[in-house]
Amino acid sequence: MRMERIEPQRSWSEAMIVRLFRRWVAARQEGVGTAASLVALAGELNVPPLAAVALDSLLALTESCLGRRLEAECCCSKVLAPDERAVLLLLGAAGQARHPVFASPAVPHGLPGAVAWAAASLVRLLDHEVPPAPAPSRCPFASSAV
């Protein structure tokens, strides 16, 4: 399977998360099991299966909290969708949080502690650190967030 670089300034962990995120959205749209699809791709990317399952849970929780479906760019796009950037921000903030059960100021819309805990769990399961991003001035999951 050929994988294009997502964006030149993105780390391996960010590119891997975006690739998994895009697979998750595609699997959901096709009506197939998102967890199984992520675990299969994770195996190809040398990502622990448990991390794929944790990402599946994180994305489902996030959708539930937002009350809308997460959106991704096309699988071959080098540009990130706002939701892809927001998930990277969420994971970067979770890796820096001292108390992962509390929402971070980096995610100002106040996702509940369950999402913060799920993000922190995923960061612990990954072999590569997700770099922190600067805190946005508004909800990173807003459709026009950059």
C-alpha atoms as a PDB file:
ATOM      1  CA  MET A   1       0.000   0.000   0.000  1.00  0.00           C
ATOM      2  CA  ARG A   2       1.429   3.356  -1.040  1.00  0.00           C
ATOM      3  CA  MET A   3       1.276   6.165   1.501  1.00  0.00           C
ATOM      4  CA  GLU A   4       1.913   9.769   0.521  1.00  0.00           C
ATOM      5  CA  ARG A   5       3.400  12.221   2.995  1.00  0.00           C
ATOM      6  CA  ILE A   6       0.599  14.118   4.714  1.00  0.00           C
ATOM      7  CA  GLU A   7       2.417  17.450   5.083  1.00  0.00           C
ATOM      8  CA  PRO A   8       6.182  18.023   5.056  1.00  0.00           C
ATOM      9  CA  GLN A   9       6.262  19.415   8.603  1.00  0.00           C
ATOM     10  CA  ARG A  10       4.320  16.490  10.089  1.00  0.00           C
ATOM     11  CA  SER A  11       6.062  13.899  12.243  1.00  0.00           C
ATOM     12  CA  TRP A  12       5.745  10.158  11.660  1.00  0.00           C
ATOM     13  CA  SER A  13       3.307   9.847  14.567  1.00  0.00           C
ATOM     14  CA  GLU A  14       1.099  12.623  13.201  1.00  0.00           C
ATOM     15  CA  ALA A  15       1.107  11.135   9.676  1.00  0.00           C
ATOM     16  CA  MET A  16       0.263   7.712  11.122  1.00  0.00           C
ATOM     17  CA  ILE A  17      -2.624   9.109  13.191  1.00  0.00           C
ATOM     18  CA  VAL A  18      -4.005  10.998  10.201  1.00  0.00           C
ATOM     19  CA  ARG A  19      -3.783   7.863   8.047  1.00  0.00           C
ATOM     20  CA  LEU A  20      -5.642   5.868  10.722  1.00  0.00           C
ATOM     21  CA  PHE A  21      -8.192   8.671  11.152  1.00  0.00           C
ATOM     22  CA  ARG A  22      -8.886   8.673   7.414  1.00  0.00           C
ATOM     23  CA  ARG A  23      -9.300   4.897   7.411  1.00  0.00           C
ATOM     24  CA  TRP A  24     -11.718   5.181  10.350  1.00  0.00           C
ATOM     25  CA  VAL A  25     -13.880   7.736   8.535  1.00  0.00           C
ATOM     26  CA  ALA A  26     -13.831   5.643   5.332  1.00  0.00           C
ATOM     27  CA  ALA A  27     -14.755   2.447   7.207  1.00  0.00           C
ATOM     28  CA  ARG A  28     -17.626   4.216   8.949  1.00  0.00           C
ATOM     29  CA  GLN A  29     -18.906   5.592   5.630  1.00  0.00           C
ATOM     30  CA  GLU A  30     -18.738   2.121   4.070  1.00  0.00           C
ATOM     31  CA  GLY A  31     -20.563   0.586   7.030  1.00  0.00           C
ATOM     32  CA  VAL A  32     -17.737  -1.778   8.011  1.00  0.00           C
ATOM     33  CA  GLY A  33     -16.294  -2.278  11.472  1.00  0.00           C
ATOM     34  CA  THR A  34     -14.088   0.684  12.291  1.00  0.00           C
ATOM     35  CA  ALA A  35     -12.050  -1.107  14.963  1.00  0.00           C
ATOM     36  CA  ALA A  36     -11.233  -4.083  12.736  1.00  0.00           C
ATOM     37  CA  SER A  37     -10.289  -1.768   9.870  1.00  0.00           C
ATOM     38  CA  LEU A  38      -7.976   0.260  12.121  1.00  0.00           C
ATOM     39  CA  VAL A  39      -6.330  -2.835  13.584  1.00  0.00           C
ATOM     40  CA  ALA A  40      -5.628  -4.131  10.073  1.00  0.00           C
ATOM     41  CA  LEU A  41      -4.027  -0.859   8.964  1.00  0.00           C
ATOM     42  CA  ALA A  42      -2.174  -0.530  12.273  1.00  0.00           C
ATOM     43  CA  GLY A  43      -0.512  -3.884  11.575  1.00  0.00           C
ATOM     44  CA  GLU A  44       0.764  -2.535   8.246  1.00  0.00           C
ATOM     45  CA  LEU A  45       2.105   0.600   9.973  1.00  0.00           C
ATOM     46  CA  ASN A  46       3.695  -1.284  12.912  1.00  0.00           C
ATOM     47  CA  VAL A  47       1.308   0.355  15.348  1.00  0.00           C
ATOM     48  CA  PRO A  48       0.214  -1.726  18.360  1.00  0.00           C
ATOM     49  CA  PRO A  49      -3.311  -3.144  17.842  1.00  0.00           C
ATOM     50  CA  LEU A  50      -4.374  -1.789  21.220  1.00  0.00           C
ATOM     51  CA  ALA A  51      -3.469   1.737  20.054  1.00  0.00           C
ATOM     52  CA  ALA A  52      -5.749   1.258  17.037  1.00  0.00           C
ATOM     53  CA  VAL A  53      -8.592   0.182  19.317  1.00  0.00           C
ATOM     54  CA  ALA A  54      -7.914   3.163  21.595  1.00  0.00           C
ATOM     55  CA  LEU A  55      -8.071   5.523  18.590  1.00  0.00           C
ATOM     56  CA  ASP A  56     -11.350   3.927  17.518  1.00  0.00           C
ATOM     57  CA  SER A  57     -12.790   4.631  20.976  1.00  0.00           C
ATOM     58  CA  LEU A  58     -11.400   8.166  21.066  1.00  0.00           C
ATOM     59  CA  LEU A  59     -12.928   9.055  17.710  1.00  0.00           C
ATOM     60  CA  ALA A  60     -16.318   7.549  18.608  1.00  0.00           C
ATOM     61  CA  LEU A  61     -16.345   9.403  21.952  1.00  0.00           C
ATOM     62  CA  THR A  62     -15.370  12.642  20.250  1.00  0.00           C
ATOM     63  CA  GLU A  63     -18.181  12.327  17.702  1.00  0.00           C
ATOM     64  CA  SER A  64     -20.639  11.599  20.468  1.00  0.00           C
ATOM     65  CA  CYS A  65     -19.543  14.647  22.457  1.00  0.00           C
ATOM     66  CA  LEU A  66     -19.588  16.939  19.437  1.00  0.00           C
ATOM     67  CA  GLY A  67     -22.956  15.644  18.240  1.00  0.00           C
ATOM     68  CA  ARG A  68     -21.729  15.363  14.655  1.00  0.00           C
ATOM     69  CA  ARG A  69     -19.609  13.143  12.444  1.00  0.00           C
ATOM     70  CA  LEU A  70     -15.894  13.796  12.159  1.00  0.00           C
ATOM     71  CA  GLU A  71     -14.724  14.625   8.662  1.00  0.00           C
ATOM     72  CA  ALA A  72     -11.475  13.714   6.921  1.00  0.00           C
ATOM     73  CA  GLU A  73      -9.730  14.738   3.738  1.00  0.00           C
ATOM     74  CA  CYS A  74      -9.366  12.319   0.846  1.00  0.00           C
ATOM     75  CA  CYS A  75      -6.971   9.457   1.609  1.00  0.00           C
ATOM     76  CA  CYS A  76      -4.347  10.778  -0.808  1.00  0.00           C
ATOM     77  CA  SER A  77      -4.575  14.460   0.155  1.00  0.00           C
ATOM     78  CA  LYS A  78      -1.505  16.176   1.576  1.00  0.00           C
ATOM     79  CA  VAL A  79      -3.729  18.773   3.260  1.00  0.00           C
ATOM     80  CA  LEU A  80      -5.313  18.178   6.665  1.00  0.00           C
ATOM     81  CA  ALA A  81      -9.018  18.663   7.317  1.00  0.00           C
ATOM     82  CA  PRO A  82      -9.969  20.776  10.351  1.00  0.00           C
ATOM     83  CA  ASP A  83     -11.053  17.652  12.282  1.00  0.00           C
ATOM     84  CA  GLU A  84      -7.725  15.971  11.516  1.00  0.00           C
ATOM     85  CA  ARG A  85      -5.860  18.982  12.876  1.00  0.00           C
ATOM     86  CA  ALA A  86      -8.128  19.020  15.922  1.00  0.00           C
ATOM     87  CA  VAL A  87      -7.469  15.347  16.702  1.00  0.00           C
ATOM     88  CA  LEU A  88      -3.712  15.970  16.454  1.00  0.00           C
ATOM     89  CA  LEU A  89      -4.100  18.953  18.780  1.00  0.00           C
ATOM     90  CA  LEU A  90      -6.110  16.849  21.222  1.00  0.00           C
ATOM     91  CA  LEU A  91      -3.442  14.125  21.259  1.00  0.00           C
ATOM     92  CA  GLY A  92      -0.597  16.632  21.551  1.00  0.00           C
ATOM     93  CA  ALA A  93      -2.339  18.259  24.511  1.00  0.00           C
ATOM     94  CA  ALA A  94      -3.021  14.859  26.101  1.00  0.00           C
ATOM     95  CA  GLY A  95       0.665  14.000  25.937  1.00  0.00           C
ATOM     96  CA  GLN A  96       1.486  17.168  27.874  1.00  0.00           C
ATOM     97  CA  ALA A  97      -1.341  17.016  30.434  1.00  0.00           C
ATOM     98  CA  ARG A  98      -0.450  16.440  34.066  1.00  0.00           C
ATOM     99  CA  HIS A  99      -3.954  15.247  34.885  1.00  0.00           C
ATOM    100  CA  PRO A 100      -5.395  13.426  31.853  1.00  0.00           C
ATOM    101  CA  VAL A 101      -8.838  12.998  33.410  1.00  0.00           C
ATOM    102  CA  PHE A 102      -9.445  16.742  33.092  1.00  0.00           C
ATOM    103  CA  ALA A 103     -10.011  18.568  29.824  1.00  0.00           C
ATOM    104  CA  SER A 104      -7.055  20.661  28.716  1.00  0.00           C
ATOM    105  CA  PRO A 105      -7.131  24.424  28.130  1.00  0.00           C
ATOM    106  CA  ALA A 106      -5.706  23.560  24.689  1.00  0.00           C
ATOM    107  CA  VAL A 107      -9.148  22.178  23.832  1.00  0.00           C
ATOM    108  CA  PRO A 108     -11.337  25.096  24.955  1.00  0.00           C
ATOM    109  CA  HIS A 109     -14.720  23.619  24.122  1.00  0.00           C
ATOM    110  CA  GLY A 110     -14.446  21.427  27.205  1.00  0.00           C
ATOM    111  CA  LEU A 111     -14.700  17.860  25.968  1.00  0.00           C
ATOM    112  CA  PRO A 112     -15.445  15.738  29.006  1.00  0.00           C
ATOM    113  CA  GLY A 113     -12.823  13.899  30.980  1.00  0.00           C
ATOM    114  CA  ALA A 114     -13.605  10.624  29.187  1.00  0.00           C
ATOM    115  CA  VAL A 115     -12.248  12.055  25.926  1.00  0.00           C
ATOM    116  CA  ALA A 116      -9.177  13.494  27.661  1.00  0.00           C
ATOM    117  CA  TRP A 117      -8.579  10.118  29.324  1.00  0.00           C
ATOM    118  CA  ALA A 118      -9.011   8.264  26.013  1.00  0.00           C
ATOM    119  CA  ALA A 119      -6.558  10.639  24.309  1.00  0.00           C
ATOM    120  CA  ALA A 120      -4.005  10.222  27.111  1.00  0.00           C
ATOM    121  CA  SER A 121      -4.390   6.430  26.920  1.00  0.00           C
ATOM    122  CA  LEU A 122      -3.752   6.467  23.181  1.00  0.00           C
ATOM    123  CA  VAL A 123      -0.662   8.662  23.568  1.00  0.00           C
ATOM    124  CA  ARG A 124       0.744   6.189  26.126  1.00  0.00           C
ATOM    125  CA  LEU A 125       0.151   3.280  23.726  1.00  0.00           C
ATOM    126  CA  LEU A 126       1.920   4.874  20.755  1.00  0.00           C
ATOM    127  CA  ASP A 127       5.592   4.217  20.162  1.00  0.00           C
ATOM    128  CA  HIS A 128       6.113   7.793  18.925  1.00  0.00           C
ATOM    129  CA  GLU A 129       5.354  11.029  20.745  1.00  0.00           C
ATOM    130  CA  VAL A 130       2.715  13.349  19.296  1.00  0.00           C
ATOM    131  CA  PRO A 131       4.195  16.857  19.269  1.00  0.00           C
ATOM    132  CA  PRO A 132       2.248  19.501  21.182  1.00  0.00           C
ATOM    133  CA  ALA A 133       0.590  22.238  19.157  1.00  0.00           C
ATOM    134  CA  PRO A 134      -0.157  25.807  20.198  1.00  0.00           C
ATOM    135  CA  ALA A 135      -3.510  26.237  21.897  1.00  0.00           C
ATOM    136  CA  PRO A 136      -6.202  27.582  19.573  1.00  0.00           C
ATOM    137  CA  SER A 137      -8.268  30.635  20.401  1.00  0.00           C
ATOM    138  CA  ARG A 138     -11.501  28.695  19.858  1.00  0.00           C
ATOM    139  CA  CYS A 139     -12.804  25.166  19.523  1.00  0.00           C
ATOM    140  CA  PRO A 140     -10.408  23.211  17.279  1.00  0.00           C
ATOM    141  CA  PHE A 141     -13.303  21.035  16.102  1.00  0.00           C
ATOM    142  CA  ALA A 142     -15.145  24.034  14.605  1.00  0.00           C
ATOM    143  CA  SER A 143     -15.487  23.460  10.876  1.00  0.00           C
ATOM    144  CA  SER A 144     -13.570  26.614  10.009  1.00  0.00           C
ATOM    145  CA  ALA A 145     -10.732  26.074  12.534  1.00  0.00           C
ATOM    146  CA  VAL A 146      -7.278  25.970  11.010  1.00  0.00           C
END
